[in-house]
N, C-alpha and C. Protein backbone atom coordinates (compact mmCIF):
# COMPACT_ATOMS: atom_id res chain seq x y z
N MET A 1 68.51 101.11 112.20
CA MET A 1 69.57 100.33 111.59
C MET A 1 70.42 99.74 112.72
N SER A 2 70.70 98.47 112.68
CA SER A 2 71.48 97.84 113.74
C SER A 2 72.94 98.24 113.65
N GLU A 3 73.67 98.06 114.75
CA GLU A 3 75.10 98.39 114.80
C GLU A 3 75.88 97.55 113.79
N MET A 4 75.47 96.31 113.55
CA MET A 4 76.16 95.43 112.60
C MET A 4 76.03 95.95 111.17
N ALA A 5 74.98 96.72 110.90
CA ALA A 5 74.74 97.16 109.53
C ALA A 5 75.63 98.34 109.14
N ARG A 6 76.30 98.94 110.10
CA ARG A 6 77.14 100.10 109.81
C ARG A 6 78.57 99.66 109.55
N ALA A 7 79.35 100.60 109.05
CA ALA A 7 80.77 100.33 108.78
C ALA A 7 81.47 99.98 110.09
N PRO A 8 82.47 99.08 110.04
CA PRO A 8 83.21 98.70 111.25
C PRO A 8 83.87 99.90 111.94
N THR A 9 84.20 100.94 111.20
CA THR A 9 84.75 102.15 111.80
C THR A 9 83.64 103.19 111.85
N SER A 10 82.65 102.92 112.68
CA SER A 10 81.51 103.83 112.75
C SER A 10 81.96 105.20 113.25
N LEU A 11 81.12 106.19 113.00
CA LEU A 11 81.46 107.56 113.37
C LEU A 11 81.74 107.69 114.86
N SER A 12 81.13 106.87 115.68
CA SER A 12 81.32 106.98 117.13
C SER A 12 82.70 106.46 117.56
N LYS A 13 83.43 105.79 116.65
CA LYS A 13 84.73 105.22 117.01
C LYS A 13 85.89 105.97 116.37
N LEU A 14 85.65 107.15 115.84
CA LEU A 14 86.70 107.90 115.16
C LEU A 14 87.45 108.81 116.13
N ASP A 15 88.72 109.04 115.85
CA ASP A 15 89.50 109.96 116.68
C ASP A 15 89.17 111.40 116.29
N ARG A 16 89.63 112.34 117.10
CA ARG A 16 89.28 113.76 116.89
C ARG A 16 89.74 114.30 115.53
N ASP A 17 90.94 113.91 115.08
CA ASP A 17 91.44 114.41 113.80
C ASP A 17 90.57 113.95 112.65
N ARG A 18 90.16 112.70 112.69
CA ARG A 18 89.29 112.19 111.62
C ARG A 18 87.91 112.82 111.71
N GLU A 19 87.41 113.03 112.93
CA GLU A 19 86.11 113.69 113.06
C GLU A 19 86.15 115.09 112.46
N ALA A 20 87.24 115.82 112.70
CA ALA A 20 87.38 117.17 112.15
C ALA A 20 87.44 117.11 110.62
N ALA A 21 88.17 116.15 110.08
CA ALA A 21 88.27 116.01 108.63
C ALA A 21 86.92 115.66 108.02
N LEU A 22 86.13 114.85 108.71
CA LEU A 22 84.81 114.47 108.19
C LEU A 22 83.87 115.66 108.10
N ARG A 23 84.06 116.64 108.97
CA ARG A 23 83.19 117.82 108.92
C ARG A 23 83.39 118.59 107.61
N GLU A 24 84.50 118.36 106.92
CA GLU A 24 84.76 119.01 105.63
C GLU A 24 84.02 118.32 104.49
N LEU A 25 83.53 117.10 104.72
CA LEU A 25 82.82 116.35 103.69
C LEU A 25 81.33 116.68 103.72
N ASP A 26 80.69 116.48 102.60
CA ASP A 26 79.25 116.64 102.50
C ASP A 26 78.57 115.66 103.47
N PRO A 27 77.54 116.10 104.21
CA PRO A 27 76.89 115.22 105.19
C PRO A 27 76.32 113.93 104.59
N LEU A 28 75.76 114.00 103.37
CA LEU A 28 75.23 112.78 102.76
C LEU A 28 76.37 111.82 102.41
N THR A 29 77.51 112.36 101.99
CA THR A 29 78.67 111.51 101.71
C THR A 29 79.09 110.77 102.97
N VAL A 30 79.13 111.47 104.09
CA VAL A 30 79.49 110.84 105.37
C VAL A 30 78.49 109.74 105.71
N THR A 31 77.21 110.01 105.54
CA THR A 31 76.19 108.98 105.81
C THR A 31 76.39 107.77 104.92
N LYS A 32 76.58 108.01 103.62
CA LYS A 32 76.74 106.90 102.68
C LYS A 32 77.98 106.06 102.98
N LEU A 33 79.05 106.69 103.45
CA LEU A 33 80.31 105.97 103.64
C LEU A 33 80.47 105.37 105.03
N TRP A 34 79.72 105.86 106.02
CA TRP A 34 79.85 105.31 107.37
C TRP A 34 78.57 104.71 107.93
N ASP A 35 77.47 105.41 107.77
CA ASP A 35 76.21 104.97 108.38
C ASP A 35 75.33 104.30 107.32
N ASN A 36 75.85 103.21 106.75
CA ASN A 36 75.22 102.60 105.58
C ASN A 36 75.54 101.11 105.61
N PRO A 37 74.56 100.26 105.44
CA PRO A 37 74.84 98.83 105.44
C PRO A 37 75.70 98.40 104.24
N CYS A 38 75.75 99.22 103.19
CA CYS A 38 76.58 98.89 102.01
C CYS A 38 77.81 99.80 101.95
N TRP A 39 78.43 100.03 103.09
CA TRP A 39 79.57 100.94 103.19
C TRP A 39 80.73 100.55 102.28
N LEU A 40 80.99 99.26 102.10
CA LEU A 40 82.13 98.85 101.29
C LEU A 40 81.98 99.31 99.85
N SER A 41 80.86 98.99 99.22
CA SER A 41 80.68 99.37 97.82
C SER A 41 80.69 100.89 97.65
N PHE A 42 80.08 101.60 98.58
CA PHE A 42 80.06 103.06 98.47
C PHE A 42 81.45 103.65 98.65
N ARG A 43 82.24 103.10 99.56
CA ARG A 43 83.61 103.61 99.74
C ARG A 43 84.48 103.29 98.54
N LEU A 44 84.36 102.08 98.01
CA LEU A 44 85.15 101.73 96.82
C LEU A 44 84.77 102.64 95.65
N ASN A 45 83.47 102.85 95.45
CA ASN A 45 83.03 103.73 94.37
C ASN A 45 83.48 105.17 94.59
N PHE A 46 83.43 105.64 95.83
CA PHE A 46 83.85 107.00 96.14
C PHE A 46 85.33 107.18 95.81
N ILE A 47 86.15 106.25 96.25
CA ILE A 47 87.59 106.34 95.99
C ILE A 47 87.87 106.21 94.50
N ALA A 48 87.21 105.28 93.84
CA ALA A 48 87.41 105.11 92.40
C ALA A 48 87.01 106.39 91.66
N PHE A 49 85.91 106.99 92.05
CA PHE A 49 85.47 108.23 91.41
C PHE A 49 86.51 109.33 91.60
N ARG A 50 87.08 109.41 92.81
CA ARG A 50 88.06 110.45 93.09
C ARG A 50 89.34 110.26 92.27
N PHE A 51 89.58 109.04 91.82
CA PHE A 51 90.69 108.78 90.90
C PHE A 51 90.23 109.02 89.46
N ASN A 52 89.14 108.38 89.09
CA ASN A 52 88.71 108.36 87.69
C ASN A 52 88.25 109.72 87.16
N ASP A 53 87.49 110.46 87.93
CA ASP A 53 86.91 111.69 87.41
C ASP A 53 87.98 112.67 86.93
N PRO A 54 88.96 113.04 87.73
CA PRO A 54 89.96 113.98 87.21
C PRO A 54 90.82 113.38 86.09
N VAL A 55 91.13 112.10 86.20
CA VAL A 55 91.95 111.46 85.18
C VAL A 55 91.23 111.44 83.83
N TYR A 56 89.99 110.96 83.80
CA TYR A 56 89.26 110.87 82.54
C TYR A 56 88.91 112.24 81.97
N ARG A 57 88.63 113.22 82.84
CA ARG A 57 88.38 114.58 82.34
C ARG A 57 89.64 115.13 81.66
N TRP A 58 90.80 114.93 82.28
CA TRP A 58 92.07 115.40 81.72
C TRP A 58 92.34 114.72 80.38
N ILE A 59 92.14 113.41 80.32
CA ILE A 59 92.39 112.65 79.09
C ILE A 59 91.44 113.10 77.97
N GLU A 60 90.18 113.30 78.30
CA GLU A 60 89.22 113.74 77.28
C GLU A 60 89.59 115.13 76.76
N THR A 61 89.96 116.03 77.66
CA THR A 61 90.34 117.38 77.25
C THR A 61 91.61 117.38 76.42
N ARG A 62 92.60 116.63 76.84
CA ARG A 62 93.91 116.64 76.18
C ARG A 62 93.93 115.83 74.89
N TYR A 63 93.27 114.68 74.87
CA TYR A 63 93.39 113.76 73.74
C TYR A 63 92.08 113.51 72.98
N GLY A 64 90.98 114.04 73.48
CA GLY A 64 89.70 113.82 72.82
C GLY A 64 89.20 112.39 72.92
N LEU A 65 89.64 111.68 73.94
CA LEU A 65 89.21 110.30 74.15
C LEU A 65 88.21 110.26 75.29
N VAL A 66 87.03 109.69 75.03
CA VAL A 66 86.07 109.51 76.11
C VAL A 66 86.46 108.25 76.89
N ARG A 67 85.86 108.09 78.03
CA ARG A 67 86.26 107.03 78.95
C ARG A 67 86.35 105.63 78.31
N PRO A 68 85.32 105.14 77.62
CA PRO A 68 85.45 103.78 77.06
C PRO A 68 86.61 103.66 76.08
N GLU A 69 86.88 104.73 75.34
CA GLU A 69 88.00 104.70 74.40
C GLU A 69 89.33 104.58 75.15
N PHE A 70 89.46 105.38 76.20
CA PHE A 70 90.72 105.30 76.95
C PHE A 70 90.83 103.98 77.70
N VAL A 71 89.72 103.45 78.19
CA VAL A 71 89.74 102.15 78.87
C VAL A 71 90.31 101.09 77.92
N ALA A 72 89.87 101.11 76.68
CA ALA A 72 90.37 100.15 75.69
C ALA A 72 91.84 100.40 75.38
N LEU A 73 92.20 101.66 75.15
CA LEU A 73 93.59 101.98 74.84
C LEU A 73 94.51 101.59 75.99
N TYR A 74 94.09 101.90 77.20
CA TYR A 74 94.89 101.59 78.39
C TYR A 74 95.05 100.07 78.54
N ALA A 75 93.98 99.33 78.33
CA ALA A 75 94.06 97.87 78.45
C ALA A 75 95.06 97.30 77.46
N VAL A 76 95.02 97.77 76.22
CA VAL A 76 95.95 97.27 75.21
C VAL A 76 97.37 97.75 75.52
N GLY A 77 97.48 98.93 76.10
CA GLY A 77 98.80 99.43 76.50
C GLY A 77 99.43 98.58 77.59
N LEU A 78 98.59 98.11 78.50
CA LEU A 78 99.09 97.25 79.58
C LEU A 78 99.47 95.87 79.08
N LYS A 79 98.66 95.34 78.16
CA LYS A 79 98.89 93.98 77.66
C LYS A 79 98.47 93.91 76.21
N GLY A 80 99.41 94.17 75.33
CA GLY A 80 99.12 94.10 73.91
C GLY A 80 98.78 92.67 73.49
N GLY A 81 98.13 92.56 72.35
CA GLY A 81 97.78 91.25 71.85
C GLY A 81 96.57 90.63 72.51
N VAL A 82 95.68 91.47 73.03
CA VAL A 82 94.46 90.96 73.65
C VAL A 82 93.29 91.17 72.70
N ALA A 83 92.29 90.35 72.86
CA ALA A 83 91.07 90.46 72.06
C ALA A 83 90.10 91.42 72.75
N ALA A 84 89.18 91.94 71.97
CA ALA A 84 88.17 92.85 72.50
C ALA A 84 87.41 92.21 73.66
N LYS A 85 87.12 90.90 73.55
CA LYS A 85 86.37 90.22 74.62
C LYS A 85 87.12 90.26 75.94
N ASN A 86 88.46 90.28 75.91
CA ASN A 86 89.24 90.38 77.13
C ASN A 86 89.07 91.76 77.78
N ILE A 87 88.99 92.78 76.95
CA ILE A 87 88.80 94.14 77.48
C ILE A 87 87.41 94.25 78.09
N VAL A 88 86.42 93.67 77.45
CA VAL A 88 85.06 93.67 78.00
C VAL A 88 85.06 92.98 79.36
N SER A 89 85.68 91.83 79.44
CA SER A 89 85.70 91.05 80.67
C SER A 89 86.40 91.79 81.81
N SER A 90 87.48 92.47 81.51
CA SER A 90 88.26 93.13 82.56
C SER A 90 87.75 94.50 82.94
N SER A 91 86.94 95.13 82.08
CA SER A 91 86.53 96.51 82.34
C SER A 91 85.16 96.65 82.98
N GLY A 92 84.29 95.69 82.73
CA GLY A 92 82.93 95.81 83.23
C GLY A 92 82.05 96.69 82.36
N LEU A 93 82.59 97.22 81.27
CA LEU A 93 81.79 98.03 80.36
C LEU A 93 81.04 97.11 79.40
N PRO A 94 79.88 97.54 78.92
CA PRO A 94 79.11 96.71 77.99
C PRO A 94 79.88 96.46 76.69
N LYS A 95 79.62 95.30 76.12
CA LYS A 95 80.30 94.88 74.89
C LYS A 95 80.09 95.89 73.76
N ASN A 96 78.85 96.37 73.58
CA ASN A 96 78.59 97.31 72.48
C ASN A 96 79.31 98.64 72.69
N THR A 97 79.42 99.09 73.93
CA THR A 97 80.12 100.33 74.24
C THR A 97 81.60 100.20 73.89
N LEU A 98 82.19 99.10 74.29
CA LEU A 98 83.60 98.89 73.99
C LEU A 98 83.83 98.63 72.51
N SER A 99 82.92 97.98 71.86
CA SER A 99 83.05 97.76 70.42
C SER A 99 83.11 99.08 69.67
N ARG A 100 82.20 100.01 70.03
CA ARG A 100 82.21 101.34 69.40
C ARG A 100 83.51 102.08 69.72
N ALA A 101 83.96 101.97 70.97
CA ALA A 101 85.20 102.64 71.38
C ALA A 101 86.40 102.10 70.59
N ILE A 102 86.47 100.81 70.45
CA ILE A 102 87.57 100.19 69.70
C ILE A 102 87.51 100.60 68.24
N GLN A 103 86.32 100.67 67.65
CA GLN A 103 86.19 101.12 66.26
C GLN A 103 86.73 102.54 66.10
N LYS A 104 86.42 103.42 67.04
CA LYS A 104 86.91 104.80 66.96
C LYS A 104 88.44 104.83 67.09
N LEU A 105 88.99 104.01 67.98
CA LEU A 105 90.44 103.96 68.15
C LEU A 105 91.13 103.41 66.90
N LEU A 106 90.48 102.45 66.24
CA LEU A 106 91.02 101.93 64.98
C LEU A 106 90.97 103.02 63.90
N GLN A 107 89.86 103.76 63.84
CA GLN A 107 89.72 104.84 62.85
C GLN A 107 90.74 105.94 63.07
N ARG A 108 91.02 106.24 64.34
CA ARG A 108 92.00 107.29 64.66
C ARG A 108 93.43 106.77 64.57
N ARG A 109 93.57 105.50 64.25
CA ARG A 109 94.87 104.84 64.14
C ARG A 109 95.67 104.90 65.44
N LEU A 110 94.95 104.69 66.55
CA LEU A 110 95.58 104.57 67.86
C LEU A 110 95.74 103.10 68.23
N LEU A 111 94.87 102.26 67.64
CA LEU A 111 94.95 100.81 67.78
C LEU A 111 95.02 100.21 66.38
N LYS A 112 95.56 99.00 66.32
CA LYS A 112 95.53 98.23 65.07
C LYS A 112 95.14 96.81 65.40
N ARG A 113 94.50 96.17 64.42
CA ARG A 113 94.11 94.77 64.53
C ARG A 113 95.21 93.92 63.93
N GLU A 114 95.51 92.83 64.61
CA GLU A 114 96.48 91.88 64.08
C GLU A 114 95.89 90.49 64.19
N THR A 115 96.32 89.60 63.32
CA THR A 115 95.87 88.21 63.40
C THR A 115 96.42 87.59 64.69
N ASP A 116 95.56 86.89 65.40
CA ASP A 116 95.97 86.21 66.63
C ASP A 116 96.89 85.05 66.26
N PRO A 117 98.13 85.07 66.74
CA PRO A 117 99.05 83.99 66.37
C PRO A 117 98.61 82.62 66.89
N ASP A 118 97.76 82.61 67.93
CA ASP A 118 97.28 81.35 68.50
C ASP A 118 96.01 80.84 67.81
N ASP A 119 95.31 81.72 67.11
CA ASP A 119 94.08 81.34 66.41
C ASP A 119 93.98 82.23 65.17
N LEU A 120 94.42 81.75 64.06
CA LEU A 120 94.53 82.55 62.84
C LEU A 120 93.17 83.06 62.33
N ARG A 121 92.06 82.58 62.91
CA ARG A 121 90.72 83.06 62.53
C ARG A 121 90.32 84.27 63.36
N SER A 122 91.08 84.59 64.41
CA SER A 122 90.73 85.67 65.32
C SER A 122 91.73 86.83 65.22
N TYR A 123 91.31 87.94 65.81
CA TYR A 123 92.14 89.14 65.81
C TYR A 123 92.44 89.57 67.24
N VAL A 124 93.58 90.19 67.41
CA VAL A 124 93.95 90.81 68.67
C VAL A 124 94.28 92.26 68.39
N LEU A 125 94.39 93.05 69.43
CA LEU A 125 94.63 94.48 69.30
C LEU A 125 96.03 94.84 69.78
N ALA A 126 96.60 95.83 69.15
CA ALA A 126 97.91 96.35 69.54
C ALA A 126 97.88 97.87 69.40
N LEU A 127 98.72 98.54 70.16
CA LEU A 127 98.83 99.99 70.03
C LEU A 127 99.65 100.34 68.80
N THR A 128 99.25 101.40 68.13
CA THR A 128 100.08 101.98 67.09
C THR A 128 101.09 102.90 67.79
N PRO A 129 102.08 103.42 67.08
CA PRO A 129 102.98 104.38 67.73
C PRO A 129 102.24 105.58 68.34
N ALA A 130 101.20 106.07 67.65
CA ALA A 130 100.42 107.19 68.21
C ALA A 130 99.68 106.77 69.47
N GLY A 131 99.13 105.56 69.48
CA GLY A 131 98.46 105.05 70.68
C GLY A 131 99.44 104.85 71.82
N ARG A 132 100.63 104.34 71.50
CA ARG A 132 101.68 104.15 72.52
C ARG A 132 102.09 105.50 73.11
N ALA A 133 102.16 106.53 72.28
CA ALA A 133 102.54 107.85 72.77
C ALA A 133 101.52 108.36 73.79
N ILE A 134 100.23 108.19 73.49
CA ILE A 134 99.19 108.63 74.44
C ILE A 134 99.29 107.81 75.73
N PHE A 135 99.42 106.51 75.60
CA PHE A 135 99.55 105.65 76.78
C PHE A 135 100.73 106.11 77.64
N ASP A 136 101.88 106.31 77.01
CA ASP A 136 103.09 106.71 77.75
C ASP A 136 102.96 108.09 78.37
N GLU A 137 102.24 109.00 77.70
CA GLU A 137 102.06 110.35 78.24
C GLU A 137 101.07 110.40 79.40
N THR A 138 100.08 109.51 79.38
CA THR A 138 99.06 109.53 80.44
C THR A 138 99.50 108.78 81.69
N MET A 139 100.37 107.81 81.54
CA MET A 139 100.76 106.98 82.68
C MET A 139 101.33 107.79 83.86
N PRO A 140 102.25 108.73 83.64
CA PRO A 140 102.77 109.48 84.79
C PRO A 140 101.67 110.25 85.54
N MET A 141 100.71 110.82 84.81
CA MET A 141 99.63 111.55 85.47
C MET A 141 98.78 110.61 86.33
N MET A 142 98.52 109.43 85.81
CA MET A 142 97.73 108.46 86.56
C MET A 142 98.50 107.95 87.79
N VAL A 143 99.77 107.70 87.62
CA VAL A 143 100.60 107.26 88.75
C VAL A 143 100.67 108.35 89.80
N ASP A 144 100.81 109.59 89.38
CA ASP A 144 100.84 110.71 90.34
C ASP A 144 99.53 110.79 91.12
N GLN A 145 98.40 110.60 90.43
CA GLN A 145 97.10 110.65 91.11
C GLN A 145 97.01 109.52 92.14
N GLN A 146 97.42 108.33 91.75
CA GLN A 146 97.40 107.21 92.70
C GLN A 146 98.34 107.45 93.87
N THR A 147 99.51 107.97 93.60
CA THR A 147 100.48 108.26 94.66
C THR A 147 99.90 109.26 95.66
N ALA A 148 99.24 110.29 95.14
CA ALA A 148 98.61 111.27 96.03
C ALA A 148 97.55 110.61 96.91
N MET A 149 96.78 109.72 96.32
CA MET A 149 95.72 109.06 97.08
C MET A 149 96.29 108.12 98.14
N LEU A 150 97.36 107.43 97.80
CA LEU A 150 97.96 106.47 98.74
C LEU A 150 98.86 107.13 99.77
N SER A 151 99.17 108.40 99.62
CA SER A 151 100.13 109.07 100.49
C SER A 151 99.69 109.12 101.95
N VAL A 152 98.40 108.94 102.22
CA VAL A 152 97.93 108.95 103.60
C VAL A 152 98.21 107.62 104.31
N LEU A 153 98.65 106.61 103.55
CA LEU A 153 98.94 105.30 104.12
C LEU A 153 100.44 105.06 104.18
N SER A 154 100.87 104.42 105.24
CA SER A 154 102.28 104.03 105.34
C SER A 154 102.55 102.94 104.30
N GLU A 155 103.82 102.62 104.10
CA GLU A 155 104.17 101.55 103.17
C GLU A 155 103.55 100.23 103.61
N ALA A 156 103.57 99.96 104.92
CA ALA A 156 102.98 98.72 105.44
C ALA A 156 101.46 98.71 105.21
N GLU A 157 100.82 99.86 105.42
CA GLU A 157 99.37 99.94 105.20
C GLU A 157 99.03 99.76 103.72
N GLN A 158 99.84 100.32 102.83
CA GLN A 158 99.62 100.13 101.40
C GLN A 158 99.73 98.66 101.03
N LYS A 159 100.72 97.99 101.58
CA LYS A 159 100.90 96.56 101.31
C LYS A 159 99.70 95.77 101.84
N GLN A 160 99.25 96.11 103.05
CA GLN A 160 98.10 95.41 103.63
C GLN A 160 96.84 95.66 102.81
N LEU A 161 96.63 96.89 102.39
CA LEU A 161 95.48 97.21 101.54
C LEU A 161 95.53 96.39 100.26
N CYS A 162 96.69 96.32 99.66
CA CYS A 162 96.84 95.55 98.42
C CYS A 162 96.54 94.07 98.67
N GLU A 163 97.04 93.52 99.76
CA GLU A 163 96.79 92.12 100.07
C GLU A 163 95.31 91.85 100.33
N LEU A 164 94.64 92.76 101.03
CA LEU A 164 93.21 92.59 101.30
C LEU A 164 92.40 92.67 100.01
N MET A 165 92.77 93.61 99.16
CA MET A 165 92.06 93.72 97.88
C MET A 165 92.35 92.50 97.01
N ASP A 166 93.58 91.97 97.07
CA ASP A 166 93.90 90.72 96.36
C ASP A 166 92.91 89.63 96.74
N LYS A 167 92.69 89.47 98.05
CA LYS A 167 91.78 88.43 98.53
C LYS A 167 90.39 88.60 97.96
N MET A 168 89.92 89.84 97.93
CA MET A 168 88.57 90.09 97.43
C MET A 168 88.48 89.84 95.93
N VAL A 169 89.47 90.30 95.18
CA VAL A 169 89.46 90.08 93.73
C VAL A 169 89.50 88.59 93.42
N ILE A 170 90.35 87.86 94.11
CA ILE A 170 90.47 86.42 93.86
C ILE A 170 89.17 85.70 94.19
N ALA A 171 88.46 86.17 95.22
CA ALA A 171 87.19 85.55 95.61
C ALA A 171 86.03 85.97 94.71
N SER A 172 86.19 87.01 93.93
CA SER A 172 85.06 87.59 93.19
C SER A 172 84.33 86.63 92.25
N PRO A 173 84.99 85.64 91.64
CA PRO A 173 84.19 84.73 90.79
C PRO A 173 83.11 83.96 91.54
N SER A 174 83.24 83.85 92.85
CA SER A 174 82.23 83.10 93.62
C SER A 174 81.04 83.99 94.03
N TRP A 175 81.11 85.26 93.78
CA TRP A 175 80.02 86.16 94.14
C TRP A 175 78.88 86.05 93.13
N PRO A 176 77.64 86.29 93.55
CA PRO A 176 76.52 86.22 92.61
C PRO A 176 76.68 87.23 91.48
N ALA A 177 76.44 86.79 90.26
CA ALA A 177 76.51 87.68 89.10
C ALA A 177 75.17 88.36 88.85
N ASP A 178 74.09 87.74 89.32
CA ASP A 178 72.75 88.30 89.18
C ASP A 178 72.10 88.29 90.56
N LEU A 179 71.26 89.31 90.78
CA LEU A 179 70.62 89.43 92.08
C LEU A 179 69.35 88.58 92.18
N GLU A 180 68.76 88.22 91.06
CA GLU A 180 67.56 87.40 91.08
C GLU A 180 67.94 85.95 90.79
N PRO A 181 67.49 85.03 91.62
CA PRO A 181 67.74 83.62 91.31
C PRO A 181 67.13 83.25 89.97
N GLU A 182 67.73 82.29 89.28
CA GLU A 182 67.22 81.89 87.97
C GLU A 182 65.75 81.49 88.06
N GLY A 183 65.01 81.89 87.05
CA GLY A 183 63.61 81.50 86.95
C GLY A 183 62.67 82.37 87.77
N THR A 184 63.18 83.44 88.42
CA THR A 184 62.29 84.27 89.25
C THR A 184 62.07 85.65 88.68
N SER A 185 62.64 85.95 87.50
CA SER A 185 62.45 87.29 86.94
C SER A 185 60.99 87.47 86.52
N THR A 186 60.57 88.73 86.53
CA THR A 186 59.17 89.02 86.19
C THR A 186 59.02 89.38 84.75
């Protein structure tokens, strides 16, 4: 593997404190996150997992909501009056998975359907008081988890990380959506 294919902060360029900390990680994890041509996606997934896994396990245990259900509830909690298609677009979860999740939330009376004021033929989703209570109760736990994760970065580093991620998110519509060029599938 060429030097260009590895992460810009290759293992050979780490200081002693970071080298010692890496010895606490699983060796395959270290390989995937540093000695890997796809280091960015693996690091983003690793960090997201370290946030999502404890959060979603806690939510499922406490509220009986599986991940797609909470993804939908959280989305509506952040921005009420959105359509299911908006949640699909922003979450990356399959349409059928989110449709089932939304149906369960409607049945549990955590979400309600309302007529879209901009298109009277369509519906948007809103939290019920019970849904709002869950959203409000889970937010501090999620913020605490994020705060713990960001605590290793200075305020300036957090701002820089946010700005760099902004650039990537804004550029994301120009990235390929499919890996096979049109007309080449088997």
